[in-house]
Amino acid sequence: MAFIILVLTPFFLVALYIQLKFYFGPESKNDRNKKILLKSYSYAAPIFPIGWLLIELYDRFVHSLSFDFYKDYLWVLLLLIFIVQGFFIVIFKKRNNAEQAY
């Protein structure tokens, strides 16, 4: 599990940089970019509850997980939330920039 966290950490850092740059940059002030932010939230938000549900179902019905393993899975879920949100911010920004070019 530590290997997965180590692999996801660079992607998390890049996604966190993208998000912070988008949040605090001048581009986040207009309505179009606020819509991009809300749309990226809508894709990233379901990851945690669905992932947590799957972990709980596995823990209760398949095999009991240790507390350390459980914590590691929750960390993976948090990293995935940030990665997905940063990924969708980039996609929606490029898509909106392409639409504006026409």
PDB file of N, CA and C in Angstrom:
ATOM      1  N   MET A   1       0.820  -1.191   0.000  1.00  0.00           N
ATOM      2  CA  MET A   1       0.000   0.000   0.000  1.00  0.00           C
ATOM      3  C   MET A   1       0.865   1.257   0.000  1.00  0.00           C
ATOM      4  N   ALA A   2       2.004   1.195   0.679  1.00  0.00           N
ATOM      5  CA  ALA A   2       2.900   2.351   0.710  1.00  0.00           C
ATOM      6  C   ALA A   2       3.413   2.669  -0.688  1.00  0.00           C
ATOM      7  N   PHE A   3       3.588   1.653  -1.512  1.00  0.00           N
ATOM      8  CA  PHE A   3       4.038   1.878  -2.886  1.00  0.00           C
ATOM      9  C   PHE A   3       3.002   2.687  -3.671  1.00  0.00           C
ATOM     10  N   ILE A   4       1.729   2.369  -3.495  1.00  0.00           N
ATOM     11  CA  ILE A   4       0.662   3.093  -4.194  1.00  0.00           C
ATOM     12  C   ILE A   4       0.639   4.551  -3.753  1.00  0.00           C
ATOM     13  N   ILE A   5       0.809   4.778  -2.467  1.00  0.00           N
ATOM     14  CA  ILE A   5       0.831   6.148  -1.963  1.00  0.00           C
ATOM     15  C   ILE A   5       2.031   6.897  -2.524  1.00  0.00           C
ATOM     16  N   LEU A   6       3.181   6.244  -2.603  1.00  0.00           N
ATOM     17  CA  LEU A   6       4.365   6.893  -3.169  1.00  0.00           C
ATOM     18  C   LEU A   6       4.189   7.203  -4.651  1.00  0.00           C
ATOM     19  N   VAL A   7       3.498   6.342  -5.363  1.00  0.00           N
ATOM     20  CA  VAL A   7       3.258   6.582  -6.789  1.00  0.00           C
ATOM     21  C   VAL A   7       2.268   7.735  -6.977  1.00  0.00           C
ATOM     22  N   LEU A   8       1.256   7.808  -6.130  1.00  0.00           N
ATOM     23  CA  LEU A   8       0.236   8.847  -6.269  1.00  0.00           C
ATOM     24  C   LEU A   8       0.693  10.220  -5.773  1.00  0.00           C
ATOM     25  N   THR A   9       1.695  10.266  -4.909  1.00  0.00           N
ATOM     26  CA  THR A   9       2.122  11.532  -4.314  1.00  0.00           C
ATOM     27  C   THR A   9       2.592  12.559  -5.336  1.00  0.00           C
ATOM     28  N   PRO A  10       3.411  12.227  -6.338  1.00  0.00           N
ATOM     29  CA  PRO A  10       3.781  13.257  -7.322  1.00  0.00           C
ATOM     30  C   PRO A  10       2.579  13.788  -8.108  1.00  0.00           C
ATOM     31  N   PHE A  11       1.643  12.893  -8.451  1.00  0.00           N
ATOM     32  CA  PHE A  11       0.440  13.347  -9.146  1.00  0.00           C
ATOM     33  C   PHE A  11      -0.382  14.262  -8.250  1.00  0.00           C
ATOM     34  N   PHE A  12      -0.435  13.939  -6.963  1.00  0.00           N
ATOM     35  CA  PHE A  12      -1.142  14.775  -6.001  1.00  0.00           C
ATOM     36  C   PHE A  12      -0.511  16.156  -5.929  1.00  0.00           C
ATOM     37  N   LEU A  13       0.809  16.217  -5.872  1.00  0.00           N
ATOM     38  CA  LEU A  13       1.482  17.509  -5.776  1.00  0.00           C
ATOM     39  C   LEU A  13       1.247  18.367  -7.018  1.00  0.00           C
ATOM     40  N   VAL A  14       1.269  17.745  -8.181  1.00  0.00           N
ATOM     41  CA  VAL A  14       0.977  18.481  -9.413  1.00  0.00           C
ATOM     42  C   VAL A  14      -0.465  18.976  -9.412  1.00  0.00           C
ATOM     43  N   ALA A  15      -1.392  18.113  -9.019  1.00  0.00           N
ATOM     44  CA  ALA A  15      -2.802  18.494  -8.979  1.00  0.00           C
ATOM     45  C   ALA A  15      -3.042  19.590  -7.943  1.00  0.00           C
ATOM     46  N   LEU A  16      -2.364  19.515  -6.815  1.00  0.00           N
ATOM     47  CA  LEU A  16      -2.502  20.554  -5.793  1.00  0.00           C
ATOM     48  C   LEU A  16      -1.980  21.889  -6.310  1.00  0.00           C
ATOM     49  N   TYR A  17      -0.864  21.868  -7.027  1.00  0.00           N
ATOM     50  CA  TYR A  17      -0.336  23.091  -7.634  1.00  0.00           C
ATOM     51  C   TYR A  17      -1.338  23.675  -8.627  1.00  0.00           C
ATOM     52  N   ILE A  18      -1.919  22.826  -9.465  1.00  0.00           N
ATOM     53  CA  ILE A  18      -2.913  23.289 -10.446  1.00  0.00           C
ATOM     54  C   ILE A  18      -4.102  23.919  -9.740  1.00  0.00           C
ATOM     55  N   GLN A  19      -4.590  23.268  -8.687  1.00  0.00           N
ATOM     56  CA  GLN A  19      -5.745  23.790  -7.966  1.00  0.00           C
ATOM     57  C   GLN A  19      -5.433  25.117  -7.289  1.00  0.00           C
ATOM     58  N   LEU A  20      -4.310  25.206  -6.609  1.00  0.00           N
ATOM     59  CA  LEU A  20      -3.964  26.444  -5.918  1.00  0.00           C
ATOM     60  C   LEU A  20      -3.737  27.580  -6.902  1.00  0.00           C
ATOM     61  N   LYS A  21      -3.114  27.281  -8.017  1.00  0.00           N
ATOM     62  CA  LYS A  21      -2.904  28.292  -9.049  1.00  0.00           C
ATOM     63  C   LYS A  21      -4.245  28.754  -9.620  1.00  0.00           C
ATOM     64  N   PHE A  22      -5.169  27.837  -9.775  1.00  0.00           N
ATOM     65  CA  PHE A  22      -6.485  28.168 -10.305  1.00  0.00           C
ATOM     66  C   PHE A  22      -7.308  28.946  -9.280  1.00  0.00           C
ATOM     67  N   TYR A  23      -7.254  28.537  -8.000  1.00  0.00           N
ATOM     68  CA  TYR A  23      -8.038  29.204  -6.954  1.00  0.00           C
ATOM     69  C   TYR A  23      -7.608  30.645  -6.741  1.00  0.00           C
ATOM     70  N   PHE A  24      -6.308  30.844  -6.620  1.00  0.00           N
ATOM     71  CA  PHE A  24      -5.798  32.145  -6.230  1.00  0.00           C
ATOM     72  C   PHE A  24      -5.333  32.997  -7.395  1.00  0.00           C
ATOM     73  N   GLY A  25      -5.404  32.487  -8.596  1.00  0.00           N
ATOM     74  CA  GLY A  25      -5.005  33.247  -9.765  1.00  0.00           C
ATOM     75  C   GLY A  25      -6.096  34.201 -10.214  1.00  0.00           C
ATOM     76  N   PRO A  26      -5.756  35.080 -11.102  1.00  0.00           N
ATOM     77  CA  PRO A  26      -6.763  36.045 -11.587  1.00  0.00           C
ATOM     78  C   PRO A  26      -7.856  35.388 -12.427  1.00  0.00           C
ATOM     79  N   GLU A  27      -7.589  34.196 -12.941  1.00  0.00           N
ATOM     80  CA  GLU A  27      -8.564  33.537 -13.801  1.00  0.00           C
ATOM     81  C   GLU A  27      -9.757  32.975 -13.034  1.00  0.00           C
ATOM     82  N   SER A  28      -9.633  32.848 -11.723  1.00  0.00           N
ATOM     83  CA  SER A  28     -10.728  32.253 -10.955  1.00  0.00           C
ATOM     84  C   SER A  28     -11.824  33.258 -10.617  1.00  0.00           C
ATOM     85  N   LYS A  29     -11.669  34.487 -11.010  1.00  0.00           N
ATOM     86  CA  LYS A  29     -12.619  35.524 -10.614  1.00  0.00           C
ATOM     87  C   LYS A  29     -13.860  35.593 -11.504  1.00  0.00           C
ATOM     88  N   ASN A  30     -13.778  35.143 -12.743  1.00  0.00           N
ATOM     89  CA  ASN A  30     -14.945  35.287 -13.616  1.00  0.00           C
ATOM     90  C   ASN A  30     -15.884  34.096 -13.492  1.00  0.00           C
ATOM     91  N   ASP A  31     -17.078  34.264 -14.021  1.00  0.00           N
ATOM     92  CA  ASP A  31     -18.119  33.242 -13.862  1.00  0.00           C
ATOM     93  C   ASP A  31     -17.804  31.958 -14.617  1.00  0.00           C
ATOM     94  N   ARG A  32     -17.172  32.064 -15.769  1.00  0.00           N
ATOM     95  CA  ARG A  32     -16.854  30.869 -16.554  1.00  0.00           C
ATOM     96  C   ARG A  32     -15.918  29.950 -15.778  1.00  0.00           C
ATOM     97  N   ASN A  33     -14.928  30.516 -15.145  1.00  0.00           N
ATOM     98  CA  ASN A  33     -13.978  29.693 -14.392  1.00  0.00           C
ATOM     99  C   ASN A  33     -14.557  29.207 -13.072  1.00  0.00           C
ATOM    100  N   LYS A  34     -15.514  29.927 -12.522  1.00  0.00           N
ATOM    101  CA  LYS A  34     -16.210  29.418 -11.338  1.00  0.00           C
ATOM    102  C   LYS A  34     -17.032  28.190 -11.711  1.00  0.00           C
ATOM    103  N   LYS A  35     -17.591  28.184 -12.917  1.00  0.00           N
ATOM    104  CA  LYS A  35     -18.319  27.000 -13.387  1.00  0.00           C
ATOM    105  C   LYS A  35     -17.375  25.819 -13.577  1.00  0.00           C
ATOM    106  N   ILE A  36     -16.166  26.098 -14.070  1.00  0.00           N
ATOM    107  CA  ILE A  36     -15.164  25.042 -14.215  1.00  0.00           C
ATOM    108  C   ILE A  36     -14.851  24.432 -12.858  1.00  0.00           C
ATOM    109  N   LEU A  37     -14.690  25.280 -11.859  1.00  0.00           N
ATOM    110  CA  LEU A  37     -14.388  24.803 -10.520  1.00  0.00           C
ATOM    111  C   LEU A  37     -15.531  23.955  -9.958  1.00  0.00           C
ATOM    112  N   LEU A  38     -16.749  24.406 -10.118  1.00  0.00           N
ATOM    113  CA  LEU A  38     -17.897  23.645  -9.620  1.00  0.00           C
ATOM    114  C   LEU A  38     -18.058  22.312 -10.346  1.00  0.00           C
ATOM    115  N   LYS A  39     -17.790  22.315 -11.648  1.00  0.00           N
ATOM    116  CA  LYS A  39     -17.897  21.074 -12.401  1.00  0.00           C
ATOM    117  C   LYS A  39     -16.808  20.085 -11.988  1.00  0.00           C
ATOM    118  N   SER A  40     -15.607  20.585 -11.714  1.00  0.00           N
ATOM    119  CA  SER A  40     -14.539  19.692 -11.254  1.00  0.00           C
ATOM    120  C   SER A  40     -14.856  19.148  -9.865  1.00  0.00           C
ATOM    121  N   TYR A  41     -15.481  19.956  -9.018  1.00  0.00           N
ATOM    122  CA  TYR A  41     -15.939  19.458  -7.712  1.00  0.00           C
ATOM    123  C   TYR A  41     -16.942  18.326  -7.884  1.00  0.00           C
ATOM    124  N   SER A  42     -17.843  18.484  -8.837  1.00  0.00           N
ATOM    125  CA  SER A  42     -18.887  17.472  -9.010  1.00  0.00           C
ATOM    126  C   SER A  42     -18.319  16.126  -9.449  1.00  0.00           C
ATOM    127  N   TYR A  43     -17.180  16.126 -10.122  1.00  0.00           N
ATOM    128  CA  TYR A  43     -16.551  14.867 -10.509  1.00  0.00           C
ATOM    129  C   TYR A  43     -15.695  14.291  -9.382  1.00  0.00           C
ATOM    130  N   ALA A  44     -15.109  15.143  -8.554  1.00  0.00           N
ATOM    131  CA  ALA A  44     -14.209  14.666  -7.507  1.00  0.00           C
ATOM    132  C   ALA A  44     -14.940  14.300  -6.217  1.00  0.00           C
ATOM    133  N   ALA A  45     -16.055  14.931  -5.948  1.00  0.00           N
ATOM    134  CA  ALA A  45     -16.747  14.740  -4.664  1.00  0.00           C
ATOM    135  C   ALA A  45     -17.224  13.313  -4.415  1.00  0.00           C
ATOM    136  N   PRO A  46     -17.750  12.591  -5.393  1.00  0.00           N
ATOM    137  CA  PRO A  46     -18.253  11.238  -5.095  1.00  0.00           C
ATOM    138  C   PRO A  46     -17.165  10.200  -4.813  1.00  0.00           C
ATOM    139  N   ILE A  47     -15.925  10.519  -5.045  1.00  0.00           N
ATOM    140  CA  ILE A  47     -14.858   9.537  -4.868  1.00  0.00           C
ATOM    141  C   ILE A  47     -14.761   9.079  -3.415  1.00  0.00           C
ATOM    142  N   PHE A  48     -14.806  10.015  -2.486  1.00  0.00           N
ATOM    143  CA  PHE A  48     -14.622   9.641  -1.088  1.00  0.00           C
ATOM    144  C   PHE A  48     -15.771   8.797  -0.543  1.00  0.00           C
ATOM    145  N   PRO A  49     -17.026   9.207  -0.677  1.00  0.00           N
ATOM    146  CA  PRO A  49     -18.083   8.364  -0.113  1.00  0.00           C
ATOM    147  C   PRO A  49     -18.199   6.994  -0.788  1.00  0.00           C
ATOM    148  N   ILE A  50     -18.010   6.932  -2.099  1.00  0.00           N
ATOM    149  CA  ILE A  50     -18.088   5.643  -2.791  1.00  0.00           C
ATOM    150  C   ILE A  50     -16.914   4.753  -2.385  1.00  0.00           C
ATOM    151  N   GLY A  51     -15.722   5.335  -2.326  1.00  0.00           N
ATOM    152  CA  GLY A  51     -14.554   4.570  -1.908  1.00  0.00           C
ATOM    153  C   GLY A  51     -14.663   4.090  -0.475  1.00  0.00           C
ATOM    154  N   TRP A  52     -15.167   4.955   0.395  1.00  0.00           N
ATOM    155  CA  TRP A  52     -15.323   4.578   1.791  1.00  0.00           C
ATOM    156  C   TRP A  52     -16.354   3.459   1.937  1.00  0.00           C
ATOM    157  N   LEU A  53     -17.431   3.562   1.162  1.00  0.00           N
ATOM    158  CA  LEU A  53     -18.442   2.506   1.178  1.00  0.00           C
ATOM    159  C   LEU A  53     -17.838   1.170   0.738  1.00  0.00           C
ATOM    160  N   LEU A  54     -17.043   1.185  -0.321  1.00  0.00           N
ATOM    161  CA  LEU A  54     -16.415  -0.046  -0.799  1.00  0.00           C
ATOM    162  C   LEU A  54     -15.454  -0.635   0.233  1.00  0.00           C
ATOM    163  N   ILE A  55     -14.703   0.246   0.899  1.00  0.00           N
ATOM    164  CA  ILE A  55     -13.787  -0.226   1.937  1.00  0.00           C
ATOM    165  C   ILE A  55     -14.572  -0.849   3.089  1.00  0.00           C
ATOM    166  N   GLU A  56     -15.644  -0.196   3.497  1.00  0.00           N
ATOM    167  CA  GLU A  56     -16.459  -0.719   4.590  1.00  0.00           C
ATOM    168  C   GLU A  56     -17.105  -2.051   4.226  1.00  0.00           C
ATOM    169  N   LEU A  57     -17.607  -2.155   3.005  1.00  0.00           N
ATOM    170  CA  LEU A  57     -18.216  -3.411   2.576  1.00  0.00           C
ATOM    171  C   LEU A  57     -17.186  -4.539   2.551  1.00  0.00           C
ATOM    172  N   TYR A  58     -16.005  -4.236   2.060  1.00  0.00           N
ATOM    173  CA  TYR A  58     -14.948  -5.241   2.045  1.00  0.00           C
ATOM    174  C   TYR A  58     -14.578  -5.645   3.469  1.00  0.00           C
ATOM    175  N   ASP A  59     -14.459  -4.652   4.348  1.00  0.00           N
ATOM    176  CA  ASP A  59     -14.075  -4.911   5.731  1.00  0.00           C
ATOM    177  C   ASP A  59     -15.121  -5.756   6.461  1.00  0.00           C
ATOM    178  N   ARG A  60     -16.387  -5.504   6.212  1.00  0.00           N
ATOM    179  CA  ARG A  60     -17.438  -6.214   6.944  1.00  0.00           C
ATOM    180  C   ARG A  60     -17.766  -7.583   6.371  1.00  0.00           C
ATOM    181  N   PHE A  61     -17.724  -7.705   5.055  1.00  0.00           N
ATOM    182  CA  PHE A  61     -18.236  -8.930   4.441  1.00  0.00           C
ATOM    183  C   PHE A  61     -17.182  -9.853   3.839  1.00  0.00           C
ATOM    184  N   VAL A  62     -16.019  -9.337   3.490  1.00  0.00           N
ATOM    185  CA  VAL A  62     -15.015 -10.170   2.832  1.00  0.00           C
ATOM    186  C   VAL A  62     -13.892 -10.536   3.797  1.00  0.00           C
ATOM    187  N   HIS A  63     -13.196  -9.519   4.262  1.00  0.00           N
ATOM    188  CA  HIS A  63     -12.043  -9.776   5.127  1.00  0.00           C
ATOM    189  C   HIS A  63     -11.851  -8.573   6.035  1.00  0.00           C
ATOM    190  N   SER A  64     -11.591  -8.823   7.299  1.00  0.00           N
ATOM    191  CA  SER A  64     -11.376  -7.735   8.247  1.00  0.00           C
ATOM    192  C   SER A  64     -10.036  -7.056   7.971  1.00  0.00           C
ATOM    193  N   LEU A  65     -10.063  -5.733   7.884  1.00  0.00           N
ATOM    194  CA  LEU A  65      -8.860  -4.962   7.603  1.00  0.00           C
ATOM    195  C   LEU A  65      -8.252  -4.449   8.897  1.00  0.00           C
ATOM    196  N   SER A  66      -6.933  -4.363   8.931  1.00  0.00           N
ATOM    197  CA  SER A  66      -6.269  -3.760  10.088  1.00  0.00           C
ATOM    198  C   SER A  66      -6.446  -2.247  10.025  1.00  0.00           C
ATOM    199  N   PHE A  67      -6.240  -1.608  11.160  1.00  0.00           N
ATOM    200  CA  PHE A  67      -6.412  -0.161  11.227  1.00  0.00           C
ATOM    201  C   PHE A  67      -5.411   0.566  10.331  1.00  0.00           C
ATOM    202  N   ASP A  68      -4.177   0.094  10.278  1.00  0.00           N
ATOM    203  CA  ASP A  68      -3.170   0.723   9.421  1.00  0.00           C
ATOM    204  C   ASP A  68      -3.535   0.607   7.947  1.00  0.00           C
ATOM    205  N   PHE A  69      -4.028  -0.539   7.557  1.00  0.00           N
ATOM    206  CA  PHE A  69      -4.464  -0.739   6.173  1.00  0.00           C
ATOM    207  C   PHE A  69      -5.639   0.184   5.847  1.00  0.00           C
ATOM    208  N   TYR A  70      -6.561   0.319   6.781  1.00  0.00           N
ATOM    209  CA  TYR A  70      -7.730   1.190   6.627  1.00  0.00           C
ATOM    210  C   TYR A  70      -7.298   2.648   6.455  1.00  0.00           C
ATOM    211  N   LYS A  71      -6.352   3.085   7.285  1.00  0.00           N
ATOM    212  CA  LYS A  71      -5.847   4.455   7.175  1.00  0.00           C
ATOM    213  C   LYS A  71      -5.178   4.678   5.826  1.00  0.00           C
ATOM    214  N   ASP A  72      -4.415   3.705   5.362  1.00  0.00           N
ATOM    215  CA  ASP A  72      -3.742   3.842   4.067  1.00  0.00           C
ATOM    216  C   ASP A  72      -4.745   3.972   2.929  1.00  0.00           C
ATOM    217  N   TYR A  73      -5.819   3.194   2.984  1.00  0.00           N
ATOM    218  CA  TYR A  73      -6.864   3.311   1.961  1.00  0.00           C
ATOM    219  C   TYR A  73      -7.524   4.684   1.979  1.00  0.00           C
ATOM    220  N   LEU A  74      -7.744   5.226   3.148  1.00  0.00           N
ATOM    221  CA  LEU A  74      -8.335   6.565   3.228  1.00  0.00           C
ATOM    222  C   LEU A  74      -7.389   7.615   2.664  1.00  0.00           C
ATOM    223  N   TRP A  75      -6.092   7.441   2.898  1.00  0.00           N
ATOM    224  CA  TRP A  75      -5.125   8.365   2.301  1.00  0.00           C
ATOM    225  C   TRP A  75      -5.153   8.279   0.775  1.00  0.00           C
ATOM    226  N   VAL A  76      -5.264   7.077   0.265  1.00  0.00           N
ATOM    227  CA  VAL A  76      -5.345   6.899  -1.190  1.00  0.00           C
ATOM    228  C   VAL A  76      -6.592   7.610  -1.731  1.00  0.00           C
ATOM    229  N   LEU A  77      -7.701   7.488  -1.021  1.00  0.00           N
ATOM    230  CA  LEU A  77      -8.921   8.175  -1.456  1.00  0.00           C
ATOM    231  C   LEU A  77      -8.742   9.687  -1.467  1.00  0.00           C
ATOM    232  N   LEU A  78      -8.112  10.225  -0.440  1.00  0.00           N
ATOM    233  CA  LEU A  78      -7.887  11.670  -0.409  1.00  0.00           C
ATOM    234  C   LEU A  78      -6.966  12.128  -1.534  1.00  0.00           C
ATOM    235  N   LEU A  79      -5.914  11.371  -1.780  1.00  0.00           N
ATOM    236  CA  LEU A  79      -5.021  11.715  -2.881  1.00  0.00           C
ATOM    237  C   LEU A  79      -5.757  11.665  -4.213  1.00  0.00           C
ATOM    238  N   LEU A  80      -6.600  10.657  -4.397  1.00  0.00           N
ATOM    239  CA  LEU A  80      -7.358  10.534  -5.643  1.00  0.00           C
ATOM    240  C   LEU A  80      -8.334  11.689  -5.840  1.00  0.00           C
ATOM    241  N   ILE A  81      -8.924  12.179  -4.772  1.00  0.00           N
ATOM    242  CA  ILE A  81      -9.839  13.318  -4.889  1.00  0.00           C
ATOM    243  C   ILE A  81      -9.112  14.524  -5.466  1.00  0.00           C
ATOM    244  N   PHE A  82      -7.953  14.832  -4.911  1.00  0.00           N
ATOM    245  CA  PHE A  82      -7.203  15.991  -5.393  1.00  0.00           C
ATOM    246  C   PHE A  82      -6.699  15.782  -6.821  1.00  0.00           C
ATOM    247  N   ILE A  83      -6.259  14.572  -7.129  1.00  0.00           N
ATOM    248  CA  ILE A  83      -5.767  14.289  -8.475  1.00  0.00           C
ATOM    249  C   ILE A  83      -6.884  14.433  -9.498  1.00  0.00           C
ATOM    250  N   VAL A  84      -8.047  13.885  -9.200  1.00  0.00           N
ATOM    251  CA  VAL A  84      -9.173  13.962 -10.141  1.00  0.00           C
ATOM    252  C   VAL A  84      -9.624  15.400 -10.316  1.00  0.00           C
ATOM    253  N   GLN A  85      -9.677  16.156  -9.229  1.00  0.00           N
ATOM    254  CA  GLN A  85     -10.115  17.541  -9.367  1.00  0.00           C
ATOM    255  C   GLN A  85      -9.121  18.362 -10.195  1.00  0.00           C
ATOM    256  N   GLY A  86      -7.832  18.196  -9.954  1.00  0.00           N
ATOM    257  CA  GLY A  86      -6.837  18.912 -10.750  1.00  0.00           C
ATOM    258  C   GLY A  86      -6.885  18.508 -12.213  1.00  0.00           C
ATOM    259  N   PHE A  87      -7.079  17.219 -12.466  1.00  0.00           N
ATOM    260  CA  PHE A  87      -7.180  16.710 -13.827  1.00  0.00           C
ATOM    261  C   PHE A  87      -8.369  17.347 -14.554  1.00  0.00           C
ATOM    262  N   PHE A  88      -9.520  17.405 -13.902  1.00  0.00           N
ATOM    263  CA  PHE A  88     -10.695  17.966 -14.550  1.00  0.00           C
ATOM    264  C   PHE A  88     -10.614  19.479 -14.692  1.00  0.00           C
ATOM    265  N   ILE A  89      -9.920  20.164 -13.814  1.00  0.00           N
ATOM    266  CA  ILE A  89      -9.714  21.602 -13.998  1.00  0.00           C
ATOM    267  C   ILE A  89      -8.944  21.847 -15.283  1.00  0.00           C
ATOM    268  N   VAL A  90      -7.886  21.071 -15.499  1.00  0.00           N
ATOM    269  CA  VAL A  90      -7.090  21.224 -16.720  1.00  0.00           C
ATOM    270  C   VAL A  90      -7.925  20.905 -17.950  1.00  0.00           C
ATOM    271  N   ILE A  91      -8.694  19.824 -17.909  1.00  0.00           N
ATOM    272  CA  ILE A  91      -9.512  19.431 -19.064  1.00  0.00           C
ATOM    273  C   ILE A  91     -10.551  20.493 -19.390  1.00  0.00           C
ATOM    274  N   PHE A  92     -11.257  20.975 -18.365  1.00  0.00           N
ATOM    275  CA  PHE A  92     -12.313  21.951 -18.623  1.00  0.00           C
ATOM    276  C   PHE A  92     -11.748  23.300 -19.045  1.00  0.00           C
ATOM    277  N   LYS A  93     -10.571  23.672 -18.539  1.00  0.00           N
ATOM    278  CA  LYS A  93      -9.943  24.908 -18.994  1.00  0.00           C
ATOM    279  C   LYS A  93      -9.577  24.814 -20.468  1.00  0.00           C
ATOM    280  N   LYS A  94      -8.990  23.684 -20.863  1.00  0.00           N
ATOM    281  CA  LYS A  94      -8.619  23.520 -22.271  1.00  0.00           C
ATOM    282  C   LYS A  94      -9.841  23.470 -23.165  1.00  0.00           C
ATOM    283  N   ARG A  95     -10.884  22.805 -22.702  1.00  0.00           N
ATOM    284  CA  ARG A  95     -12.111  22.707 -23.491  1.00  0.00           C
ATOM    285  C   ARG A  95     -12.758  24.079 -23.664  1.00  0.00           C
ATOM    286  N   ASN A  96     -12.781  24.879 -22.597  1.00  0.00           N
ATOM    287  CA  ASN A  96     -13.364  26.218 -22.692  1.00  0.00           C
ATOM    288  C   ASN A  96     -12.489  27.148 -23.533  1.00  0.00           C
ATOM    289  N   ASN A  97     -11.180  27.001 -23.453  1.00  0.00           N
ATOM    290  CA  ASN A  97     -10.310  27.818 -24.294  1.00  0.00           C
ATOM    291  C   ASN A  97     -10.466  27.458 -25.750  1.00  0.00           C
ATOM    292  N   ALA A  98     -10.682  26.175 -26.044  1.00  0.00           N
ATOM    293  CA  ALA A  98     -10.903  25.764 -27.425  1.00  0.00           C
ATOM    294  C   ALA A  98     -12.240  26.292 -27.942  1.00  0.00           C
ATOM    295  N   GLU A  99     -13.256  26.302 -27.085  1.00  0.00           N
ATOM    296  CA  GLU A  99     -14.562  26.836 -27.499  1.00  0.00           C
ATOM    297  C   GLU A  99     -14.504  28.333 -27.744  1.00  0.00           C
ATOM    298  N   GLN A 100     -13.682  29.051 -26.973  1.00  0.00           N
ATOM    299  CA  GLN A 100     -13.571  30.490 -27.156  1.00  0.00           C
ATOM    300  C   GLN A 100     -12.826  30.836 -28.431  1.00  0.00           C
ATOM    301  N   ALA A 101     -11.992  29.949 -28.910  1.00  0.00           N
ATOM    302  CA  ALA A 101     -11.215  30.232 -30.117  1.00  0.00           C
ATOM    303  C   ALA A 101     -12.101  30.256 -31.360  1.00  0.00           C
ATOM    304  N   TYR A 102     -13.259  29.596 -31.291  1.00  0.00           N
ATOM    305  CA  TYR A 102     -14.130  29.552 -32.461  1.00  0.00           C
ATOM    306  C   TYR A 102     -15.051  30.710 -32.515  1.00  0.00           C
TER     307      TYR A 102
END
